[in-house]
Amino acid sequence: MPPSTGFELFLKRAKTAIGMTMAAYPDQWRWTNGIQQERAKMLLPLAWLLRVEDTPEHRAWLRKMAEDLLAAQGACGPFARRSAWRERGGAAARV
């Protein structure tokens, strides 16, 4: 049983969603305002998953996300902004 809630279905659904998200990363992610924001939003769920189930795969997912986010960080701290509009030839992704 998951230590946080004791409700197995919550863990199963979270693992499935995180796994699907990471399988699609980064080429199939749909983002419009900034890929760095999306990467940052994934850090907490990935860290939680690692805490609940410490596996090599979960460690690799968290490491990949953190490294990709930090790779976009400038020397004085800010993250480089990437625009979906520009990267997708002038058309923002449609959900």
N, C-alpha and C. Protein backbone atom coordinates (compact mmCIF):
# COMPACT_ATOMS: atom_id res chain seq x y z
N MET A 1 0.82 -1.19 0.00
CA MET A 1 0.00 0.00 0.00
C MET A 1 0.86 1.25 0.00
N PRO A 2 0.44 2.28 -0.72
CA PRO A 2 1.19 3.53 -0.72
C PRO A 2 1.25 4.13 0.67
N PRO A 3 2.41 4.62 1.08
CA PRO A 3 2.52 5.18 2.42
C PRO A 3 1.76 6.49 2.62
N SER A 4 1.52 7.24 1.55
CA SER A 4 0.91 8.56 1.71
C SER A 4 -0.59 8.50 1.97
N THR A 5 -1.33 7.65 1.24
CA THR A 5 -2.78 7.61 1.40
C THR A 5 -3.29 6.24 1.83
N GLY A 6 -2.54 5.21 1.50
CA GLY A 6 -3.02 3.86 1.76
C GLY A 6 -4.03 3.39 0.72
N PHE A 7 -4.27 4.19 -0.30
CA PHE A 7 -5.24 3.87 -1.34
C PHE A 7 -4.49 3.52 -2.62
N GLU A 8 -4.43 2.26 -2.94
CA GLU A 8 -3.63 1.74 -4.07
C GLU A 8 -4.03 2.35 -5.41
N LEU A 9 -5.30 2.61 -5.61
CA LEU A 9 -5.76 3.15 -6.89
C LEU A 9 -5.14 4.52 -7.18
N PHE A 10 -4.97 5.36 -6.16
CA PHE A 10 -4.33 6.66 -6.38
C PHE A 10 -2.91 6.48 -6.92
N LEU A 11 -2.16 5.57 -6.32
CA LEU A 11 -0.78 5.32 -6.76
C LEU A 11 -0.77 4.77 -8.17
N LYS A 12 -1.63 3.82 -8.44
CA LYS A 12 -1.67 3.21 -9.78
C LYS A 12 -1.97 4.25 -10.86
N ARG A 13 -2.94 5.10 -10.60
CA ARG A 13 -3.31 6.12 -11.59
C ARG A 13 -2.20 7.16 -11.77
N ALA A 14 -1.59 7.55 -10.67
CA ALA A 14 -0.49 8.52 -10.75
C ALA A 14 0.69 7.93 -11.53
N LYS A 15 1.03 6.69 -11.24
CA LYS A 15 2.14 6.04 -11.96
C LYS A 15 1.84 5.91 -13.45
N THR A 16 0.61 5.57 -13.78
CA THR A 16 0.22 5.45 -15.19
C THR A 16 0.34 6.79 -15.90
N ALA A 17 -0.19 7.84 -15.29
CA ALA A 17 -0.15 9.17 -15.91
C ALA A 17 1.28 9.68 -16.04
N ILE A 18 2.08 9.51 -15.01
CA ILE A 18 3.48 9.97 -15.07
C ILE A 18 4.24 9.17 -16.11
N GLY A 19 4.01 7.87 -16.17
CA GLY A 19 4.66 7.04 -17.17
C GLY A 19 4.31 7.45 -18.59
N MET A 20 3.03 7.74 -18.83
CA MET A 20 2.59 8.20 -20.15
C MET A 20 3.23 9.55 -20.49
N THR A 21 3.29 10.42 -19.51
CA THR A 21 3.88 11.74 -19.72
C THR A 21 5.36 11.62 -20.07
N MET A 22 6.06 10.77 -19.35
CA MET A 22 7.50 10.62 -19.60
C MET A 22 7.77 9.89 -20.92
N ALA A 23 6.89 8.98 -21.32
CA ALA A 23 7.05 8.30 -22.60
C ALA A 23 6.91 9.28 -23.76
N ALA A 24 6.11 10.30 -23.57
CA ALA A 24 5.88 11.30 -24.62
C ALA A 24 6.93 12.42 -24.59
N TYR A 25 7.72 12.48 -23.54
CA TYR A 25 8.68 13.58 -23.36
C TYR A 25 9.89 13.42 -24.25
N PRO A 26 10.36 14.50 -24.86
CA PRO A 26 9.79 15.83 -24.98
C PRO A 26 9.06 16.06 -26.29
N ASP A 27 9.28 15.18 -27.26
CA ASP A 27 8.80 15.45 -28.61
C ASP A 27 7.28 15.47 -28.78
N GLN A 28 6.56 14.76 -27.93
CA GLN A 28 5.12 14.72 -28.08
C GLN A 28 4.39 15.55 -27.04
N TRP A 29 5.12 16.30 -26.24
CA TRP A 29 4.48 17.19 -25.27
C TRP A 29 3.81 18.33 -26.02
N ARG A 30 2.63 18.71 -25.57
CA ARG A 30 1.93 19.86 -26.14
C ARG A 30 2.05 21.01 -25.14
N TRP A 31 2.78 22.01 -25.54
CA TRP A 31 2.96 23.16 -24.67
C TRP A 31 2.90 24.41 -25.52
N THR A 32 2.51 25.50 -24.91
CA THR A 32 2.40 26.75 -25.64
C THR A 32 3.19 27.88 -24.99
N ASN A 33 3.11 28.01 -23.68
CA ASN A 33 3.73 29.16 -23.01
C ASN A 33 5.20 28.98 -22.71
N GLY A 34 5.63 27.76 -22.49
CA GLY A 34 7.05 27.56 -22.22
C GLY A 34 7.34 26.14 -21.75
N ILE A 35 8.27 25.49 -22.42
CA ILE A 35 8.65 24.13 -22.07
C ILE A 35 9.30 24.10 -20.68
N GLN A 36 10.00 25.17 -20.31
CA GLN A 36 10.65 25.19 -19.00
C GLN A 36 9.60 25.13 -17.88
N GLN A 37 8.49 25.81 -18.08
CA GLN A 37 7.40 25.76 -17.09
C GLN A 37 6.87 24.34 -16.94
N GLU A 38 6.71 23.66 -18.06
CA GLU A 38 6.19 22.30 -18.03
C GLU A 38 7.18 21.36 -17.35
N ARG A 39 8.45 21.54 -17.62
CA ARG A 39 9.48 20.72 -16.96
C ARG A 39 9.46 20.96 -15.45
N ALA A 40 9.36 22.23 -15.06
CA ALA A 40 9.35 22.56 -13.64
C ALA A 40 8.13 21.94 -12.95
N LYS A 41 7.00 21.93 -13.63
CA LYS A 41 5.78 21.35 -13.06
C LYS A 41 5.90 19.84 -12.84
N MET A 42 6.77 19.19 -13.58
CA MET A 42 6.93 17.74 -13.45
C MET A 42 7.86 17.36 -12.30
N LEU A 43 8.65 18.29 -11.80
CA LEU A 43 9.61 17.94 -10.75
C LEU A 43 8.94 17.39 -9.49
N LEU A 44 7.88 18.02 -9.03
CA LEU A 44 7.23 17.56 -7.81
C LEU A 44 6.60 16.17 -7.97
N PRO A 45 5.81 15.93 -9.02
CA PRO A 45 5.26 14.58 -9.17
C PRO A 45 6.35 13.50 -9.29
N LEU A 46 7.43 13.82 -10.00
CA LEU A 46 8.51 12.85 -10.14
C LEU A 46 9.23 12.61 -8.82
N ALA A 47 9.43 13.66 -8.06
CA ALA A 47 10.08 13.50 -6.75
C ALA A 47 9.18 12.71 -5.80
N TRP A 48 7.88 12.96 -5.85
CA TRP A 48 6.94 12.21 -5.02
C TRP A 48 6.96 10.73 -5.39
N LEU A 49 6.94 10.46 -6.70
CA LEU A 49 6.95 9.08 -7.16
C LEU A 49 8.22 8.36 -6.71
N LEU A 50 9.34 9.04 -6.79
CA LEU A 50 10.59 8.45 -6.35
C LEU A 50 10.56 8.16 -4.85
N ARG A 51 9.95 9.04 -4.10
CA ARG A 51 9.87 8.82 -2.65
C ARG A 51 8.99 7.61 -2.32
N VAL A 52 7.91 7.44 -3.09
CA VAL A 52 7.00 6.33 -2.85
C VAL A 52 7.55 5.02 -3.40
N GLU A 53 8.16 5.09 -4.58
CA GLU A 53 8.72 3.91 -5.23
C GLU A 53 10.08 4.26 -5.82
N ASP A 54 11.11 3.99 -5.08
CA ASP A 54 12.47 4.31 -5.51
C ASP A 54 12.97 3.21 -6.45
N THR A 55 12.83 3.47 -7.76
CA THR A 55 13.31 2.51 -8.76
C THR A 55 14.31 3.22 -9.67
N PRO A 56 15.16 2.46 -10.37
CA PRO A 56 16.08 3.09 -11.32
C PRO A 56 15.36 3.90 -12.39
N GLU A 57 14.22 3.42 -12.84
CA GLU A 57 13.46 4.15 -13.86
C GLU A 57 12.97 5.49 -13.32
N HIS A 58 12.43 5.49 -12.12
CA HIS A 58 11.92 6.73 -11.53
C HIS A 58 13.05 7.71 -11.26
N ARG A 59 14.20 7.20 -10.83
CA ARG A 59 15.37 8.06 -10.63
C ARG A 59 15.81 8.67 -11.96
N ALA A 60 15.80 7.87 -13.01
CA ALA A 60 16.21 8.36 -14.34
C ALA A 60 15.26 9.44 -14.85
N TRP A 61 13.97 9.25 -14.62
CA TRP A 61 12.99 10.25 -15.05
C TRP A 61 13.23 11.58 -14.35
N LEU A 62 13.40 11.53 -13.04
CA LEU A 62 13.62 12.77 -12.28
C LEU A 62 14.93 13.42 -12.69
N ARG A 63 15.97 12.64 -12.84
CA ARG A 63 17.27 13.18 -13.24
C ARG A 63 17.18 13.84 -14.62
N LYS A 64 16.52 13.16 -15.58
CA LYS A 64 16.38 13.71 -16.94
C LYS A 64 15.65 15.05 -16.91
N MET A 65 14.54 15.10 -16.17
CA MET A 65 13.75 16.33 -16.12
C MET A 65 14.55 17.47 -15.49
N ALA A 66 15.22 17.18 -14.38
CA ALA A 66 16.01 18.21 -13.70
C ALA A 66 17.18 18.67 -14.56
N GLU A 67 17.86 17.74 -15.20
CA GLU A 67 19.00 18.11 -16.04
C GLU A 67 18.57 18.94 -17.24
N ASP A 68 17.45 18.56 -17.86
CA ASP A 68 16.96 19.34 -19.01
C ASP A 68 16.53 20.74 -18.58
N LEU A 69 15.92 20.86 -17.43
CA LEU A 69 15.54 22.17 -16.92
C LEU A 69 16.78 23.01 -16.62
N LEU A 70 17.73 22.43 -15.92
CA LEU A 70 18.95 23.16 -15.55
C LEU A 70 19.81 23.53 -16.76
N ALA A 71 19.72 22.73 -17.83
CA ALA A 71 20.48 23.03 -19.05
C ALA A 71 20.01 24.34 -19.68
N ALA A 72 18.79 24.74 -19.41
CA ALA A 72 18.24 25.97 -19.97
C ALA A 72 18.44 27.17 -19.05
N GLN A 73 19.09 26.95 -17.91
CA GLN A 73 19.28 28.04 -16.95
C GLN A 73 20.52 28.85 -17.32
N GLY A 74 20.37 30.15 -17.32
CA GLY A 74 21.48 31.04 -17.62
C GLY A 74 22.43 31.15 -16.44
N ALA A 75 23.59 31.72 -16.67
CA ALA A 75 24.63 31.83 -15.66
C ALA A 75 24.18 32.65 -14.44
N CYS A 76 23.32 33.63 -14.66
CA CYS A 76 22.89 34.47 -13.53
C CYS A 76 21.53 34.03 -12.96
N GLY A 77 20.99 32.90 -13.41
CA GLY A 77 19.80 32.35 -12.79
C GLY A 77 18.55 32.16 -13.62
N PRO A 78 18.25 33.03 -14.59
CA PRO A 78 16.97 32.88 -15.29
C PRO A 78 17.00 31.71 -16.27
N PHE A 79 15.82 31.23 -16.60
CA PHE A 79 15.70 30.16 -17.58
C PHE A 79 15.38 30.76 -18.94
N ALA A 80 16.04 30.23 -19.96
CA ALA A 80 15.78 30.69 -21.32
C ALA A 80 14.36 30.32 -21.70
N ARG A 81 13.65 31.26 -22.28
CA ARG A 81 12.27 31.01 -22.68
C ARG A 81 12.24 30.48 -24.10
N ARG A 82 11.50 29.43 -24.31
CA ARG A 82 11.30 28.87 -25.64
C ARG A 82 9.83 28.99 -25.98
N SER A 83 9.54 29.54 -27.12
CA SER A 83 8.16 29.77 -27.53
C SER A 83 7.68 28.68 -28.47
N ALA A 84 6.53 28.08 -28.15
CA ALA A 84 5.95 27.07 -29.02
C ALA A 84 5.59 27.70 -30.36
N TRP A 85 5.17 28.95 -30.32
CA TRP A 85 4.81 29.66 -31.54
C TRP A 85 5.98 29.67 -32.52
N ARG A 86 7.13 30.04 -32.03
CA ARG A 86 8.32 30.12 -32.87
C ARG A 86 8.79 28.73 -33.30
N GLU A 87 8.82 27.78 -32.38
CA GLU A 87 9.35 26.46 -32.67
C GLU A 87 8.44 25.64 -33.58
N ARG A 88 7.18 25.97 -33.61
CA ARG A 88 6.25 25.21 -34.43
C ARG A 88 5.83 25.96 -35.69
N GLY A 89 6.70 26.81 -36.14
CA GLY A 89 6.46 27.51 -37.39
C GLY A 89 5.32 28.50 -37.35
N GLY A 90 5.11 29.13 -36.21
CA GLY A 90 4.09 30.16 -36.12
C GLY A 90 2.73 29.67 -35.66
N ALA A 91 2.62 28.39 -35.36
CA ALA A 91 1.32 27.87 -34.91
C ALA A 91 1.48 27.23 -33.54
N ALA A 92 0.76 27.75 -32.59
CA ALA A 92 0.79 27.16 -31.25
C ALA A 92 0.11 25.81 -31.27
N ALA A 93 0.52 24.94 -30.39
CA ALA A 93 -0.07 23.59 -30.33
C ALA A 93 -1.54 23.67 -29.97
N ARG A 94 -2.30 22.81 -30.55
CA ARG A 94 -3.72 22.73 -30.24
C ARG A 94 -3.95 21.45 -29.45
N VAL A 95 -4.73 21.56 -28.42
CA VAL A 95 -5.01 20.40 -27.56
C VAL A 95 -6.22 19.67 -28.08
